[in-house]
Amino acid sequence: MRIRDLDPSERPWLAQRLVERWGATAIARRGELVDAAWLPALIAQEGERDEVVALATYLIDGEAAELVTLDAFTSGQGAGAALLQEVADRARAAGCKRLWLITTNDNLRALAVYQRHGLRIVAVHRGAVDHARRQKPSIPLIGDHNIPVHDELELELDLTGTAGRNAGRRTPATGRPRSPRS
């Protein structure tokens, strides 16, 4: 797998993928919209033809980095985890102390992935999605697993300690996350 920065010429492609996956390039979180089409972006590619298997957009702001979008186009291949790790590494190199993200209460699969890679739920913003629908009406009322979508869940990875350095890394033998002592 190869991870690279989005080339500026690929911005229209990024915008198209965001619309396909998120309903718009504007991503609602914490009471505001962010246009992810103009954020720094990473692409994971693999295979002989360098097929794009995952995409991430992020924002570094002072001592915090936000993972704004993460899309793995083929699940279970580790591409999303590889991008999560790369964003964490870049955030750490930029002097960030934390990496955070917002997801919705219906996104059970993502919650499992993020927690397996060291992120912790640090806040539940009750009704935040209901409020965000006023700004972005394309947000569905019913989400994954037929769960009504109402709340934003904020997850965070501490980048200052050992756990932050091991985010996304798995032991080769077991496929389980490395313990902080590894």
C-alpha atoms as a PDB file:
ATOM      1  CA  MET A   1       0.000   0.000   0.000  1.00  0.00           C
ATOM      2  CA  ARG A   2       1.199   3.469  -0.867  1.00  0.00           C
ATOM      3  CA  ILE A   3       0.028   6.625   0.900  1.00  0.00           C
ATOM      4  CA  ARG A   4       0.455   9.984  -0.776  1.00  0.00           C
ATOM      5  CA  ASP A   5      -0.767  13.531  -0.610  1.00  0.00           C
ATOM      6  CA  LEU A   6      -3.580  14.555  -2.906  1.00  0.00           C
ATOM      7  CA  ASP A   7      -2.201  16.292  -5.983  1.00  0.00           C
ATOM      8  CA  PRO A   8      -3.708  19.772  -6.539  1.00  0.00           C
ATOM      9  CA  SER A   9      -4.960  18.615  -9.955  1.00  0.00           C
ATOM     10  CA  GLU A  10      -7.086  15.990  -8.134  1.00  0.00           C
ATOM     11  CA  ARG A  11      -9.263  18.518  -6.258  1.00  0.00           C
ATOM     12  CA  PRO A  12     -12.251  17.995  -8.629  1.00  0.00           C
ATOM     13  CA  TRP A  13     -11.950  14.214  -8.099  1.00  0.00           C
ATOM     14  CA  LEU A  14     -11.874  14.776  -4.316  1.00  0.00           C
ATOM     15  CA  ALA A  15     -14.967  16.958  -4.478  1.00  0.00           C
ATOM     16  CA  GLN A  16     -16.801  14.295  -6.487  1.00  0.00           C
ATOM     17  CA  ARG A  17     -15.862  11.544  -4.006  1.00  0.00           C
ATOM     18  CA  LEU A  18     -16.960  13.679  -1.051  1.00  0.00           C
ATOM     19  CA  VAL A  19     -20.334  14.333  -2.674  1.00  0.00           C
ATOM     20  CA  GLU A  20     -20.735  10.601  -3.364  1.00  0.00           C
ATOM     21  CA  ARG A  21     -19.794   9.578   0.180  1.00  0.00           C
ATOM     22  CA  TRP A  22     -20.972  12.535   2.293  1.00  0.00           C
ATOM     23  CA  GLY A  23     -23.737  14.124   0.198  1.00  0.00           C
ATOM     24  CA  ALA A  24     -21.724  17.352  -0.226  1.00  0.00           C
ATOM     25  CA  THR A  25     -18.218  18.693   0.171  1.00  0.00           C
ATOM     26  CA  ALA A  26     -19.406  20.556   3.282  1.00  0.00           C
ATOM     27  CA  ILE A  27     -18.977  18.426   6.393  1.00  0.00           C
ATOM     28  CA  ALA A  28     -21.062  19.337   9.451  1.00  0.00           C
ATOM     29  CA  ARG A  29     -19.440  19.079  12.845  1.00  0.00           C
ATOM     30  CA  ARG A  30     -19.588  20.979  16.117  1.00  0.00           C
ATOM     31  CA  GLY A  31     -22.145  23.461  14.839  1.00  0.00           C
ATOM     32  CA  GLU A  32     -20.343  24.502  11.674  1.00  0.00           C
ATOM     33  CA  LEU A  33     -19.665  23.385   8.147  1.00  0.00           C
ATOM     34  CA  VAL A  34     -16.155  22.710   6.843  1.00  0.00           C
ATOM     35  CA  ASP A  35     -15.501  22.409   3.101  1.00  0.00           C
ATOM     36  CA  ALA A  36     -13.409  19.238   3.029  1.00  0.00           C
ATOM     37  CA  ALA A  37     -12.683  19.641  -0.692  1.00  0.00           C
ATOM     38  CA  TRP A  38     -10.062  22.271   0.183  1.00  0.00           C
ATOM     39  CA  LEU A  39      -8.441  20.561   3.167  1.00  0.00           C
ATOM     40  CA  PRO A  40      -5.180  18.635   3.114  1.00  0.00           C
ATOM     41  CA  ALA A  41      -5.947  15.128   1.879  1.00  0.00           C
ATOM     42  CA  LEU A  42      -4.234  11.755   1.787  1.00  0.00           C
ATOM     43  CA  ILE A  43      -4.874   8.898  -0.590  1.00  0.00           C
ATOM     44  CA  ALA A  44      -4.088   5.221  -0.051  1.00  0.00           C
ATOM     45  CA  GLN A  45      -3.391   3.224  -3.208  1.00  0.00           C
ATOM     46  CA  GLU A  46      -2.508  -0.384  -3.853  1.00  0.00           C
ATOM     47  CA  GLY A  47      -2.091  -2.890  -6.640  1.00  0.00           C
ATOM     48  CA  GLU A  48      -0.335  -2.722  -9.975  1.00  0.00           C
ATOM     49  CA  ARG A  49      -2.605   0.055 -11.201  1.00  0.00           C
ATOM     50  CA  ASP A  50      -2.395   2.063  -7.962  1.00  0.00           C
ATOM     51  CA  GLU A  51      -6.112   1.731  -7.318  1.00  0.00           C
ATOM     52  CA  VAL A  52      -7.372   4.270  -4.769  1.00  0.00           C
ATOM     53  CA  VAL A  53      -8.599   2.271  -1.771  1.00  0.00           C
ATOM     54  CA  ALA A  54      -9.033   5.002   0.846  1.00  0.00           C
ATOM     55  CA  LEU A  55      -9.141   8.756   1.297  1.00  0.00           C
ATOM     56  CA  ALA A  56      -8.751  11.046   4.317  1.00  0.00           C
ATOM     57  CA  THR A  57      -9.078  14.794   4.811  1.00  0.00           C
ATOM     58  CA  TYR A  58      -7.741  16.534   7.872  1.00  0.00           C
ATOM     59  CA  LEU A  59      -7.098  19.911   9.425  1.00  0.00           C
ATOM     60  CA  ILE A  60      -4.247  20.932  11.692  1.00  0.00           C
ATOM     61  CA  ASP A  61      -5.041  23.867  13.974  1.00  0.00           C
ATOM     62  CA  GLY A  62      -2.506  24.718  16.645  1.00  0.00           C
ATOM     63  CA  GLU A  63      -2.053  21.844  19.073  1.00  0.00           C
ATOM     64  CA  ALA A  64      -4.965  19.846  17.677  1.00  0.00           C
ATOM     65  CA  ALA A  65      -5.549  17.981  14.448  1.00  0.00           C
ATOM     66  CA  GLU A  66      -8.966  16.966  13.208  1.00  0.00           C
ATOM     67  CA  LEU A  67      -9.640  13.964  11.019  1.00  0.00           C
ATOM     68  CA  VAL A  68     -12.503  15.475   9.029  1.00  0.00           C
ATOM     69  CA  THR A  69     -13.283  12.562   6.689  1.00  0.00           C
ATOM     70  CA  LEU A  70     -12.034   9.016   6.352  1.00  0.00           C
ATOM     71  CA  ASP A  71     -13.365   6.710   3.653  1.00  0.00           C
ATOM     72  CA  ALA A  72     -12.116   3.211   2.950  1.00  0.00           C
ATOM     73  CA  PHE A  73     -13.538   2.102  -0.390  1.00  0.00           C
ATOM     74  CA  THR A  74     -12.792  -1.558   0.341  1.00  0.00           C
ATOM     75  CA  SER A  75     -13.306  -2.584   3.954  1.00  0.00           C
ATOM     76  CA  GLY A  76     -11.055  -4.872   5.935  1.00  0.00           C
ATOM     77  CA  GLN A  77      -7.889  -4.106   3.947  1.00  0.00           C
ATOM     78  CA  GLY A  78      -6.249  -1.829   6.538  1.00  0.00           C
ATOM     79  CA  ALA A  79      -6.260   1.231   4.284  1.00  0.00           C
ATOM     80  CA  GLY A  80      -8.349   3.307   6.669  1.00  0.00           C
ATOM     81  CA  ALA A  81      -6.083   2.369   9.564  1.00  0.00           C
ATOM     82  CA  ALA A  82      -3.012   3.269   7.503  1.00  0.00           C
ATOM     83  CA  LEU A  83      -4.447   6.715   6.741  1.00  0.00           C
ATOM     84  CA  LEU A  84      -5.422   7.217  10.386  1.00  0.00           C
ATOM     85  CA  GLN A  85      -1.848   6.417  11.385  1.00  0.00           C
ATOM     86  CA  GLU A  86      -0.414   8.775   8.759  1.00  0.00           C
ATOM     87  CA  VAL A  87      -2.644  11.640   9.913  1.00  0.00           C
ATOM     88  CA  ALA A  88      -1.609  10.945  13.534  1.00  0.00           C
ATOM     89  CA  ASP A  89       2.069  10.933  12.530  1.00  0.00           C
ATOM     90  CA  ARG A  90       1.714  14.224  10.631  1.00  0.00           C
ATOM     91  CA  ALA A  91      -0.179  15.808  13.510  1.00  0.00           C
ATOM     92  CA  ARG A  92       2.490  14.717  15.968  1.00  0.00           C
ATOM     93  CA  ALA A  93       5.231  16.073  13.674  1.00  0.00           C
ATOM     94  CA  ALA A  94       3.363  19.404  13.555  1.00  0.00           C
ATOM     95  CA  GLY A  95       3.418  19.567  17.359  1.00  0.00           C
ATOM     96  CA  CYS A  96      -0.199  18.565  17.933  1.00  0.00           C
ATOM     97  CA  LYS A  97      -1.120  17.070  21.274  1.00  0.00           C
ATOM     98  CA  ARG A  98      -4.349  15.484  20.138  1.00  0.00           C
ATOM     99  CA  LEU A  99      -6.113  14.116  17.095  1.00  0.00           C
ATOM    100  CA  TRP A 100      -9.869  14.347  17.214  1.00  0.00           C
ATOM    101  CA  LEU A 101     -12.871  13.579  15.053  1.00  0.00           C
ATOM    102  CA  ILE A 102     -16.632  13.674  15.026  1.00  0.00           C
ATOM    103  CA  THR A 103     -18.877  10.803  13.979  1.00  0.00           C
ATOM    104  CA  THR A 104     -22.575  10.185  14.353  1.00  0.00           C
ATOM    105  CA  ASN A 105     -24.372   7.926  16.810  1.00  0.00           C
ATOM    106  CA  ASP A 106     -25.316   5.427  14.068  1.00  0.00           C
ATOM    107  CA  ASN A 107     -21.774   4.869  12.788  1.00  0.00           C
ATOM    108  CA  LEU A 108     -21.091   1.718  14.806  1.00  0.00           C
ATOM    109  CA  ARG A 109     -18.529   0.292  12.400  1.00  0.00           C
ATOM    110  CA  ALA A 110     -16.417   3.448  12.504  1.00  0.00           C
ATOM    111  CA  LEU A 111     -16.703   3.609  16.292  1.00  0.00           C
ATOM    112  CA  ALA A 112     -15.289   0.098  16.514  1.00  0.00           C
ATOM    113  CA  VAL A 113     -12.409   0.906  14.168  1.00  0.00           C
ATOM    114  CA  TYR A 114     -11.501   4.164  15.892  1.00  0.00           C
ATOM    115  CA  GLN A 115     -11.555   2.620  19.360  1.00  0.00           C
ATOM    116  CA  ARG A 116      -9.452  -0.338  18.212  1.00  0.00           C
ATOM    117  CA  HIS A 117      -6.858   2.201  17.090  1.00  0.00           C
ATOM    118  CA  GLY A 118      -6.657   4.070  20.370  1.00  0.00           C
ATOM    119  CA  LEU A 119      -9.234   6.835  20.051  1.00  0.00           C
ATOM    120  CA  ARG A 120     -11.487   7.419  23.041  1.00  0.00           C
ATOM    121  CA  ILE A 121     -14.997   8.847  23.197  1.00  0.00           C
ATOM    122  CA  VAL A 122     -14.570  12.168  24.982  1.00  0.00           C
ATOM    123  CA  ALA A 123     -17.950  13.828  24.388  1.00  0.00           C
ATOM    124  CA  VAL A 124     -21.477  13.197  23.216  1.00  0.00           C
ATOM    125  CA  HIS A 125     -23.074  16.252  21.649  1.00  0.00           C
ATOM    126  CA  ARG A 126     -26.782  15.503  22.102  1.00  0.00           C
ATOM    127  CA  GLY A 127     -28.971  16.720  19.263  1.00  0.00           C
ATOM    128  CA  ALA A 128     -26.034  18.183  17.338  1.00  0.00           C
ATOM    129  CA  VAL A 129     -26.976  16.355  14.135  1.00  0.00           C
ATOM    130  CA  ASP A 130     -30.564  17.561  14.415  1.00  0.00           C
ATOM    131  CA  HIS A 131     -29.206  21.105  14.608  1.00  0.00           C
ATOM    132  CA  ALA A 132     -26.731  20.493  11.739  1.00  0.00           C
ATOM    133  CA  ARG A 133     -29.596  19.475   9.439  1.00  0.00           C
ATOM    134  CA  ARG A 134     -30.663  23.120   9.393  1.00  0.00           C
ATOM    135  CA  GLN A 135     -27.339  23.946   7.702  1.00  0.00           C
ATOM    136  CA  LYS A 136     -27.071  20.730   5.692  1.00  0.00           C
ATOM    137  CA  PRO A 137     -30.503  19.239   4.949  1.00  0.00           C
ATOM    138  CA  SER A 138     -28.955  16.280   3.100  1.00  0.00           C
ATOM    139  CA  ILE A 139     -28.018  14.640   6.419  1.00  0.00           C
ATOM    140  CA  PRO A 140     -30.300  11.590   6.653  1.00  0.00           C
ATOM    141  CA  LEU A 141     -32.786  11.123   9.474  1.00  0.00           C
ATOM    142  CA  ILE A 142     -32.111   7.381   9.620  1.00  0.00           C
ATOM    143  CA  GLY A 143     -28.584   6.043   9.351  1.00  0.00           C
ATOM    144  CA  ASP A 144     -26.720   2.773   9.457  1.00  0.00           C
ATOM    145  CA  HIS A 145     -28.473  -0.187  11.082  1.00  0.00           C
ATOM    146  CA  ASN A 146     -31.781   1.730  10.840  1.00  0.00           C
ATOM    147  CA  ILE A 147     -30.690   3.942  13.762  1.00  0.00           C
ATOM    148  CA  PRO A 148     -32.138   7.479  13.981  1.00  0.00           C
ATOM    149  CA  VAL A 149     -29.262   9.968  13.614  1.00  0.00           C
ATOM    150  CA  HIS A 150     -29.353  12.650  16.319  1.00  0.00           C
ATOM    151  CA  ASP A 151     -26.019  12.974  18.100  1.00  0.00           C
ATOM    152  CA  GLU A 152     -22.367  13.694  17.357  1.00  0.00           C
ATOM    153  CA  LEU A 153     -19.769  11.620  19.140  1.00  0.00           C
ATOM    154  CA  GLU A 154     -16.369  13.206  19.627  1.00  0.00           C
ATOM    155  CA  LEU A 155     -13.380  10.889  19.760  1.00  0.00           C
ATOM    156  CA  GLU A 156      -9.812  11.797  20.584  1.00  0.00           C
ATOM    157  CA  LEU A 157      -6.355  10.300  20.404  1.00  0.00           C
ATOM    158  CA  ASP A 158      -3.744  11.606  22.840  1.00  0.00           C
ATOM    159  CA  LEU A 159      -0.627  12.185  20.745  1.00  0.00           C
ATOM    160  CA  THR A 160       1.663  12.962  23.677  1.00  0.00           C
ATOM    161  CA  GLY A 161       2.064   9.496  25.180  1.00  0.00           C
ATOM    162  CA  THR A 162       3.006   5.997  24.157  1.00  0.00           C
ATOM    163  CA  ALA A 163      -0.547   5.099  23.153  1.00  0.00           C
ATOM    164  CA  GLY A 164      -0.557   7.940  20.631  1.00  0.00           C
ATOM    165  CA  ARG A 165       2.675   6.718  19.045  1.00  0.00           C
ATOM    166  CA  ASN A 166       1.197   3.247  18.578  1.00  0.00           C
ATOM    167  CA  ALA A 167      -2.149   4.346  17.132  1.00  0.00           C
ATOM    168  CA  GLY A 168      -3.171   2.231  14.212  1.00  0.00           C
ATOM    169  CA  ARG A 169      -0.245  -0.153  14.550  1.00  0.00           C
ATOM    170  CA  ARG A 170      -0.984  -3.829  14.991  1.00  0.00           C
ATOM    171  CA  THR A 171       1.266  -6.651  16.016  1.00  0.00           C
ATOM    172  CA  PRO A 172       2.244  -8.819  13.040  1.00  0.00           C
ATOM    173  CA  ALA A 173       1.571 -12.142  14.763  1.00  0.00           C
ATOM    174  CA  THR A 174      -1.881 -11.509  16.248  1.00  0.00           C
ATOM    175  CA  GLY A 175      -3.307  -8.614  14.270  1.00  0.00           C
ATOM    176  CA  ARG A 176      -4.256  -7.064  17.632  1.00  0.00           C
ATOM    177  CA  PRO A 177      -3.275  -3.547  18.580  1.00  0.00           C
ATOM    178  CA  ARG A 178       0.118  -3.272  20.207  1.00  0.00           C
ATOM    179  CA  SER A 179       0.070  -2.721  23.929  1.00  0.00           C
ATOM    180  CA  PRO A 180       1.662   0.510  25.145  1.00  0.00           C
ATOM    181  CA  ARG A 181       4.598  -1.593  26.390  1.00  0.00           C
ATOM    182  CA  SER A 182       5.334  -3.070  22.919  1.00  0.00           C
END
